[in-house]
Amino acid sequence: MPGYSQDKVALVKRLHRIEGQVRGIERMVAEDRYCIDVLTQIAAARTALEQVGSKLLEGHVNHCVADAIASGDADGANAKTAEMLDAVQRFVKTR
C-alpha cells in the first residue's frame, strides 16, 4: 500500500484543480493574454504541483521508508533509503 493512501482522495482532487489551472493557462496563451499574467499562473501551477510532490514524499518517508527500517531487513531499509534520497534529489532539482 502506498504511503499516500490516506490522502489519496485529497491528492486526486488537488491534481484535478491543477489540471484546470493548466487548461486556464492554455486558454490565456490562445487569447494572447499579457505575458506576466501567464507567467504568474505558470508559477502558481508549478507551486501547486510541488506541494503535491511534497505530500507524496512525506508519505513515502513516513510509511514506506519507516516500514522498511522497522522491518529489521537491512538490505530492504538501505534500498528504501536510497530510493528516498534519489526522489529528494529529483524533487530539489525542480526548484
C-alpha atoms as a PDB file:
ATOM      1  CA  MET A   1       0.000   0.000   0.000  1.00  0.00           C
ATOM      2  CA  PRO A   2       1.464   3.401  -0.980  1.00  0.00           C
ATOM      3  CA  GLY A   3       2.364   5.910   1.724  1.00  0.00           C
ATOM      4  CA  TYR A   4      -0.114   8.431   0.325  1.00  0.00           C
ATOM      5  CA  SER A   5      -3.154   6.126   0.530  1.00  0.00           C
ATOM      6  CA  GLN A   6      -4.713   8.052   3.426  1.00  0.00           C
ATOM      7  CA  ASP A   7      -4.545  11.275   1.394  1.00  0.00           C
ATOM      8  CA  LYS A   8      -5.396   9.815  -1.999  1.00  0.00           C
ATOM      9  CA  VAL A   9      -8.823  11.457  -2.370  1.00  0.00           C
ATOM     10  CA  ALA A  10      -7.458  14.904  -1.456  1.00  0.00           C
ATOM     11  CA  LEU A  11      -4.446  14.447  -3.742  1.00  0.00           C
ATOM     12  CA  VAL A  12      -6.636  13.454  -6.687  1.00  0.00           C
ATOM     13  CA  LYS A  13      -8.886  16.479  -6.089  1.00  0.00           C
ATOM     14  CA  ARG A  14      -5.846  18.744  -5.944  1.00  0.00           C
ATOM     15  CA  LEU A  15      -4.467  17.257  -9.165  1.00  0.00           C
ATOM     16  CA  HIS A  16      -7.806  17.885 -10.891  1.00  0.00           C
ATOM     17  CA  ARG A  17      -7.653  21.532  -9.794  1.00  0.00           C
ATOM     18  CA  ILE A  18      -4.098  21.787 -11.128  1.00  0.00           C
ATOM     19  CA  GLU A  19      -5.283  20.277 -14.395  1.00  0.00           C
ATOM     20  CA  GLY A  20      -7.870  23.061 -14.554  1.00  0.00           C
ATOM     21  CA  GLN A  21      -5.175  25.634 -13.859  1.00  0.00           C
ATOM     22  CA  VAL A  22      -3.116  24.314 -16.761  1.00  0.00           C
ATOM     23  CA  ARG A  23      -6.135  24.434 -19.082  1.00  0.00           C
ATOM     24  CA  GLY A  24      -6.631  28.030 -17.970  1.00  0.00           C
ATOM     25  CA  ILE A  25      -3.028  28.817 -18.869  1.00  0.00           C
ATOM     26  CA  GLU A  26      -3.563  27.260 -22.282  1.00  0.00           C
ATOM     27  CA  ARG A  27      -6.614  29.482 -22.770  1.00  0.00           C
ATOM     28  CA  MET A  28      -4.631  32.541 -21.721  1.00  0.00           C
ATOM     29  CA  VAL A  29      -1.984  31.803 -24.334  1.00  0.00           C
ATOM     30  CA  ALA A  30      -4.631  31.158 -27.007  1.00  0.00           C
ATOM     31  CA  GLU A  31      -6.233  34.506 -26.126  1.00  0.00           C
ATOM     32  CA  ASP A  32      -2.893  36.353 -26.307  1.00  0.00           C
ATOM     33  CA  ARG A  33      -3.043  37.435 -22.677  1.00  0.00           C
ATOM     34  CA  TYR A  34      -0.311  39.554 -21.139  1.00  0.00           C
ATOM     35  CA  CYS A  35       2.969  37.631 -20.681  1.00  0.00           C
ATOM     36  CA  ILE A  36       3.368  38.398 -16.989  1.00  0.00           C
ATOM     37  CA  ASP A  37      -0.179  37.205 -16.245  1.00  0.00           C
ATOM     38  CA  VAL A  38       0.563  33.892 -17.979  1.00  0.00           C
ATOM     39  CA  LEU A  39       3.886  33.515 -16.155  1.00  0.00           C
ATOM     40  CA  THR A  40       2.162  34.226 -12.839  1.00  0.00           C
ATOM     41  CA  GLN A  41      -0.305  31.415 -13.491  1.00  0.00           C
ATOM     42  CA  ILE A  42       2.500  29.045 -14.534  1.00  0.00           C
ATOM     43  CA  ALA A  43       4.296  29.782 -11.262  1.00  0.00           C
ATOM     44  CA  ALA A  44       1.101  29.075  -9.312  1.00  0.00           C
ATOM     45  CA  ALA A  45       0.564  25.740 -11.098  1.00  0.00           C
ATOM     46  CA  ARG A  46       4.193  24.762 -10.508  1.00  0.00           C
ATOM     47  CA  THR A  47       3.906  25.600  -6.809  1.00  0.00           C
ATOM     48  CA  ALA A  48       0.737  23.524  -6.576  1.00  0.00           C
ATOM     49  CA  LEU A  49       2.485  20.538  -8.181  1.00  0.00           C
ATOM     50  CA  GLU A  50       5.427  20.945  -5.821  1.00  0.00           C
ATOM     51  CA  GLN A  51       3.018  20.836  -2.868  1.00  0.00           C
ATOM     52  CA  VAL A  52       1.536  17.590  -4.178  1.00  0.00           C
ATOM     53  CA  GLY A  53       5.048  16.215  -4.624  1.00  0.00           C
ATOM     54  CA  SER A  54       5.948  17.236  -1.096  1.00  0.00           C
ATOM     55  CA  LYS A  55       2.903  15.417   0.292  1.00  0.00           C
ATOM     56  CA  LEU A  56       3.798  12.289  -1.688  1.00  0.00           C
ATOM     57  CA  LEU A  57       7.389  12.445  -0.481  1.00  0.00           C
ATOM     58  CA  GLU A  58       6.197  12.834   3.110  1.00  0.00           C
ATOM     59  CA  GLY A  59       4.005   9.755   2.728  1.00  0.00           C
ATOM     60  CA  HIS A  60       6.893   7.782   1.266  1.00  0.00           C
ATOM     61  CA  VAL A  61       9.187   8.662   4.155  1.00  0.00           C
ATOM     62  CA  ASN A  62       6.611   8.157   6.907  1.00  0.00           C
ATOM     63  CA  HIS A  63       5.231   4.916   5.529  1.00  0.00           C
ATOM     64  CA  CYS A  64       7.433   3.126   3.026  1.00  0.00           C
ATOM     65  CA  VAL A  65      10.849   4.050   4.401  1.00  0.00           C
ATOM     66  CA  ALA A  66       9.783   3.818   8.052  1.00  0.00           C
ATOM     67  CA  ASP A  67       8.256   0.361   7.467  1.00  0.00           C
ATOM     68  CA  ALA A  68      11.412  -0.841   5.723  1.00  0.00           C
ATOM     69  CA  ILE A  69      13.573   0.335   8.610  1.00  0.00           C
ATOM     70  CA  ALA A  70      11.223  -1.127  11.229  1.00  0.00           C
ATOM     71  CA  SER A  71      11.217  -4.493   9.442  1.00  0.00           C
ATOM     72  CA  GLY A  72      14.796  -5.124  10.504  1.00  0.00           C
ATOM     73  CA  ASP A  73      15.779  -6.043   6.943  1.00  0.00           C
ATOM     74  CA  ALA A  74      18.951  -4.019   6.459  1.00  0.00           C
ATOM     75  CA  ASP A  75      19.048  -4.544   2.690  1.00  0.00           C
ATOM     76  CA  GLY A  76      15.409  -3.506   2.311  1.00  0.00           C
ATOM     77  CA  ALA A  77      15.919  -0.466   4.542  1.00  0.00           C
ATOM     78  CA  ASN A  78      19.015   0.563   2.592  1.00  0.00           C
ATOM     79  CA  ALA A  79      17.144   0.182  -0.698  1.00  0.00           C
ATOM     80  CA  LYS A  80      14.202   2.314   0.504  1.00  0.00           C
ATOM     81  CA  THR A  81      16.557   4.932   1.936  1.00  0.00           C
ATOM     82  CA  ALA A  82      18.489   5.140  -1.347  1.00  0.00           C
ATOM     83  CA  GLU A  83      15.210   5.364  -3.245  1.00  0.00           C
ATOM     84  CA  MET A  84      14.072   8.186  -0.959  1.00  0.00           C
ATOM     85  CA  LEU A  85      17.322  10.110  -1.395  1.00  0.00           C
ATOM     86  CA  ASP A  86      17.049   9.801  -5.190  1.00  0.00           C
ATOM     87  CA  ALA A  87      13.481  11.129  -5.002  1.00  0.00           C
ATOM     88  CA  VAL A  88      14.572  14.064  -2.836  1.00  0.00           C
ATOM     89  CA  GLN A  89      17.351  14.914  -5.294  1.00  0.00           C
ATOM     90  CA  ARG A  90      14.899  14.861  -8.224  1.00  0.00           C
ATOM     91  CA  PHE A  91      12.422  16.934  -6.239  1.00  0.00           C
ATOM     92  CA  VAL A  92      15.018  19.532  -5.247  1.00  0.00           C
ATOM     93  CA  LYS A  93      16.315  19.824  -8.825  1.00  0.00           C
ATOM     94  CA  THR A  94      12.890  21.007  -9.996  1.00  0.00           C
ATOM     95  CA  ARG A  95      13.107  24.129  -7.841  1.00  0.00           C
END
